[in-house]
Amino acid sequence: MCPQGARGCLAAFGVLACAAPGAPVLVIVIESVTATDFIVFPPPAFSTKWYVEFAKRPEFVDSAIVSVVVALFSSIVGTVL
């Protein structure tokens, strides 16, 4: 048996180890809805400007569709195997 304090430290370390990889993604998502043309944290205003720009560019939309199709097929193949 491990002491109660060690168990709490191990639990806290486990939570941090699981949350740390997701933190940069969270920052990117927050920054993607900013109204400015440059990175400012925290964002001064909410805007979907960059998502509209993404939707206007056919090469971005086409690449996103290809990525989703590849992800679906690889998931199906991985599940079957």
N, C-alpha and C. Protein backbone atom coordinates (compact mmCIF):
# COMPACT_ATOMS: atom_id res chain seq x y z
N MET A 1 0.84 -1.19 0.00
CA MET A 1 0.00 0.00 0.00
C MET A 1 0.88 1.24 0.00
N CYS A 2 0.47 2.21 -0.78
CA CYS A 2 1.21 3.47 -0.80
C CYS A 2 0.53 4.47 0.14
N PRO A 3 1.29 5.41 0.67
CA PRO A 3 0.69 6.41 1.57
C PRO A 3 -0.35 7.26 0.85
N GLN A 4 -1.28 7.80 1.59
CA GLN A 4 -2.38 8.59 1.03
C GLN A 4 -1.86 9.81 0.26
N GLY A 5 -0.83 10.48 0.74
CA GLY A 5 -0.27 11.65 0.07
C GLY A 5 0.32 11.29 -1.29
N ALA A 6 0.98 10.14 -1.36
CA ALA A 6 1.57 9.70 -2.62
C ALA A 6 0.48 9.38 -3.64
N ARG A 7 -0.61 8.82 -3.19
CA ARG A 7 -1.72 8.49 -4.08
C ARG A 7 -2.32 9.77 -4.68
N GLY A 8 -2.45 10.81 -3.87
CA GLY A 8 -2.97 12.09 -4.35
C GLY A 8 -2.04 12.74 -5.35
N CYS A 9 -0.72 12.67 -5.08
CA CYS A 9 0.27 13.23 -6.01
C CYS A 9 0.24 12.48 -7.33
N LEU A 10 0.10 11.17 -7.27
CA LEU A 10 0.05 10.37 -8.49
C LEU A 10 -1.21 10.69 -9.29
N ALA A 11 -2.32 10.91 -8.62
CA ALA A 11 -3.55 11.27 -9.30
C ALA A 11 -3.42 12.64 -9.97
N ALA A 12 -2.83 13.60 -9.28
CA ALA A 12 -2.63 14.93 -9.85
C ALA A 12 -1.71 14.86 -11.06
N PHE A 13 -0.65 14.07 -10.96
CA PHE A 13 0.27 13.91 -12.08
C PHE A 13 -0.45 13.27 -13.27
N GLY A 14 -1.30 12.30 -13.01
CA GLY A 14 -2.06 11.65 -14.08
C GLY A 14 -2.98 12.61 -14.79
N VAL A 15 -3.65 13.46 -14.03
CA VAL A 15 -4.55 14.46 -14.63
C VAL A 15 -3.76 15.44 -15.48
N LEU A 16 -2.64 15.92 -14.96
CA LEU A 16 -1.80 16.86 -15.73
C LEU A 16 -1.23 16.21 -16.99
N ALA A 17 -0.82 14.95 -16.88
CA ALA A 17 -0.26 14.25 -18.03
C ALA A 17 -1.30 14.06 -19.12
N CYS A 18 -2.54 13.88 -18.74
CA CYS A 18 -3.61 13.72 -19.73
C CYS A 18 -4.06 15.05 -20.30
N ALA A 19 -4.01 16.11 -19.52
CA ALA A 19 -4.49 17.42 -19.96
C ALA A 19 -3.45 18.19 -20.76
N ALA A 20 -2.19 17.97 -20.51
CA ALA A 20 -1.13 18.75 -21.16
C ALA A 20 -1.13 18.65 -22.68
N PRO A 21 -1.30 17.49 -23.29
CA PRO A 21 -1.30 17.45 -24.76
C PRO A 21 -2.46 18.22 -25.39
N GLY A 22 -3.56 18.36 -24.70
CA GLY A 22 -4.71 19.06 -25.25
C GLY A 22 -4.67 20.57 -25.08
N ALA A 23 -3.79 21.07 -24.24
CA ALA A 23 -3.74 22.50 -23.96
C ALA A 23 -3.38 23.34 -25.19
N PRO A 24 -2.39 22.96 -26.00
CA PRO A 24 -2.11 23.76 -27.20
C PRO A 24 -3.26 23.79 -28.20
N VAL A 25 -3.96 22.68 -28.31
CA VAL A 25 -5.12 22.63 -29.21
C VAL A 25 -6.20 23.59 -28.72
N LEU A 26 -6.41 23.64 -27.43
CA LEU A 26 -7.40 24.56 -26.86
C LEU A 26 -7.03 26.01 -27.15
N VAL A 27 -5.76 26.35 -27.04
CA VAL A 27 -5.31 27.72 -27.33
C VAL A 27 -5.53 28.04 -28.80
N ILE A 28 -5.24 27.11 -29.70
CA ILE A 28 -5.44 27.33 -31.13
C ILE A 28 -6.91 27.55 -31.45
N VAL A 29 -7.77 26.76 -30.85
CA VAL A 29 -9.22 26.93 -31.09
C VAL A 29 -9.69 28.28 -30.57
N ILE A 30 -9.22 28.69 -29.41
CA ILE A 30 -9.60 30.00 -28.88
C ILE A 30 -9.10 31.12 -29.79
N GLU A 31 -7.88 31.00 -30.28
CA GLU A 31 -7.32 32.03 -31.16
C GLU A 31 -7.96 32.04 -32.53
N SER A 32 -8.57 30.94 -32.94
CA SER A 32 -9.19 30.89 -34.27
C SER A 32 -10.48 31.70 -34.37
N VAL A 33 -11.02 32.09 -33.26
CA VAL A 33 -12.25 32.89 -33.28
C VAL A 33 -11.99 34.34 -32.90
N THR A 34 -10.78 34.82 -33.12
CA THR A 34 -10.45 36.20 -32.82
C THR A 34 -10.79 37.09 -34.01
N ALA A 35 -11.05 38.34 -33.76
CA ALA A 35 -11.41 39.28 -34.82
C ALA A 35 -10.19 39.99 -35.39
N THR A 36 -9.03 39.82 -34.79
CA THR A 36 -7.84 40.54 -35.24
C THR A 36 -7.09 39.74 -36.31
N ASP A 37 -6.17 40.42 -37.01
CA ASP A 37 -5.37 39.76 -38.05
C ASP A 37 -4.09 39.17 -37.48
N PHE A 38 -3.87 39.29 -36.18
CA PHE A 38 -2.68 38.77 -35.55
C PHE A 38 -3.07 38.16 -34.21
N ILE A 39 -2.15 37.42 -33.63
CA ILE A 39 -2.45 36.71 -32.38
C ILE A 39 -2.43 37.66 -31.20
N VAL A 40 -3.56 37.72 -30.51
CA VAL A 40 -3.71 38.49 -29.28
C VAL A 40 -4.43 37.60 -28.29
N PHE A 41 -3.85 37.44 -27.12
CA PHE A 41 -4.50 36.60 -26.12
C PHE A 41 -4.75 37.40 -24.87
N PRO A 42 -5.93 37.40 -24.37
CA PRO A 42 -7.13 36.75 -24.87
C PRO A 42 -7.71 37.52 -26.05
N PRO A 43 -8.50 36.84 -26.89
CA PRO A 43 -9.08 37.51 -28.05
C PRO A 43 -9.97 38.68 -27.64
N PRO A 44 -9.83 39.83 -28.29
CA PRO A 44 -10.63 41.00 -27.90
C PRO A 44 -12.10 40.89 -28.32
N ALA A 45 -12.36 40.14 -29.38
CA ALA A 45 -13.75 40.00 -29.85
C ALA A 45 -13.92 38.65 -30.52
N PHE A 46 -15.15 38.17 -30.57
CA PHE A 46 -15.46 36.90 -31.19
C PHE A 46 -15.79 37.12 -32.66
N SER A 47 -15.21 36.30 -33.53
CA SER A 47 -15.47 36.41 -34.96
C SER A 47 -15.23 35.06 -35.62
N THR A 48 -16.02 34.75 -36.63
CA THR A 48 -15.81 33.54 -37.42
C THR A 48 -15.13 33.87 -38.75
N LYS A 49 -14.45 34.99 -38.78
CA LYS A 49 -13.79 35.49 -39.99
C LYS A 49 -12.88 34.44 -40.62
N TRP A 50 -12.08 33.76 -39.83
CA TRP A 50 -11.12 32.80 -40.38
C TRP A 50 -11.81 31.55 -40.88
N TYR A 51 -12.94 31.19 -40.32
CA TYR A 51 -13.68 30.03 -40.82
C TYR A 51 -14.36 30.37 -42.15
N VAL A 52 -14.82 31.61 -42.30
CA VAL A 52 -15.39 32.06 -43.58
C VAL A 52 -14.32 32.07 -44.65
N GLU A 53 -13.13 32.56 -44.31
CA GLU A 53 -12.02 32.56 -45.27
C GLU A 53 -11.66 31.13 -45.67
N PHE A 54 -11.67 30.22 -44.74
CA PHE A 54 -11.39 28.82 -45.02
C PHE A 54 -12.42 28.26 -46.01
N ALA A 55 -13.68 28.57 -45.79
CA ALA A 55 -14.76 28.05 -46.65
C ALA A 55 -14.71 28.65 -48.06
N LYS A 56 -14.14 29.83 -48.20
CA LYS A 56 -14.04 30.47 -49.52
C LYS A 56 -12.95 29.85 -50.39
N ARG A 57 -11.97 29.20 -49.78
CA ARG A 57 -10.81 28.68 -50.51
C ARG A 57 -11.05 27.22 -50.88
N PRO A 58 -11.26 26.92 -52.16
CA PRO A 58 -11.56 25.54 -52.56
C PRO A 58 -10.44 24.55 -52.25
N GLU A 59 -9.19 24.99 -52.29
CA GLU A 59 -8.11 24.06 -52.00
C GLU A 59 -8.12 23.62 -50.54
N PHE A 60 -8.55 24.50 -49.65
CA PHE A 60 -8.65 24.12 -48.23
C PHE A 60 -9.83 23.17 -48.01
N VAL A 61 -10.95 23.48 -48.64
CA VAL A 61 -12.13 22.65 -48.49
C VAL A 61 -11.87 21.26 -49.08
N ASP A 62 -11.25 21.21 -50.26
CA ASP A 62 -10.95 19.91 -50.88
C ASP A 62 -10.00 19.09 -50.01
N SER A 63 -8.99 19.73 -49.45
CA SER A 63 -8.05 18.99 -48.60
C SER A 63 -8.72 18.51 -47.32
N ALA A 64 -9.65 19.28 -46.79
CA ALA A 64 -10.38 18.84 -45.60
C ALA A 64 -11.26 17.63 -45.92
N ILE A 65 -11.88 17.64 -47.09
CA ILE A 65 -12.71 16.50 -47.50
C ILE A 65 -11.85 15.25 -47.67
N VAL A 66 -10.70 15.40 -48.31
CA VAL A 66 -9.79 14.26 -48.47
C VAL A 66 -9.37 13.73 -47.10
N SER A 67 -9.07 14.60 -46.17
CA SER A 67 -8.65 14.18 -44.83
C SER A 67 -9.76 13.40 -44.12
N VAL A 68 -10.98 13.86 -44.25
CA VAL A 68 -12.11 13.16 -43.60
C VAL A 68 -12.32 11.79 -44.24
N VAL A 69 -12.23 11.71 -45.56
CA VAL A 69 -12.41 10.42 -46.25
C VAL A 69 -11.31 9.44 -45.84
N VAL A 70 -10.08 9.90 -45.81
CA VAL A 70 -8.97 9.02 -45.39
C VAL A 70 -9.16 8.58 -43.95
N ALA A 71 -9.58 9.48 -43.07
CA ALA A 71 -9.81 9.13 -41.67
C ALA A 71 -10.92 8.08 -41.54
N LEU A 72 -12.00 8.25 -42.31
CA LEU A 72 -13.10 7.28 -42.24
C LEU A 72 -12.67 5.90 -42.72
N PHE A 73 -11.99 5.86 -43.88
CA PHE A 73 -11.55 4.57 -44.40
C PHE A 73 -10.53 3.90 -43.48
N SER A 74 -9.61 4.66 -42.93
CA SER A 74 -8.63 4.06 -42.03
C SER A 74 -9.29 3.58 -40.74
N SER A 75 -10.31 4.28 -40.28
CA SER A 75 -11.05 3.83 -39.09
C SER A 75 -11.80 2.53 -39.37
N ILE A 76 -12.40 2.44 -40.55
CA ILE A 76 -13.14 1.23 -40.92
C ILE A 76 -12.17 0.05 -41.05
N VAL A 77 -11.06 0.28 -41.73
CA VAL A 77 -10.07 -0.80 -41.90
C VAL A 77 -9.51 -1.21 -40.54
N GLY A 78 -9.21 -0.25 -39.70
CA GLY A 78 -8.68 -0.57 -38.36
C GLY A 78 -9.68 -1.33 -37.52
N THR A 79 -10.96 -1.03 -37.67
CA THR A 79 -11.99 -1.72 -36.91
C THR A 79 -12.16 -3.15 -37.40
N VAL A 80 -12.11 -3.33 -38.72
CA VAL A 80 -12.29 -4.66 -39.30
C VAL A 80 -11.10 -5.56 -38.93
N LEU A 81 -9.91 -5.00 -38.97
CA LEU A 81 -8.72 -5.81 -38.64
C LEU A 81 -8.71 -6.11 -37.16
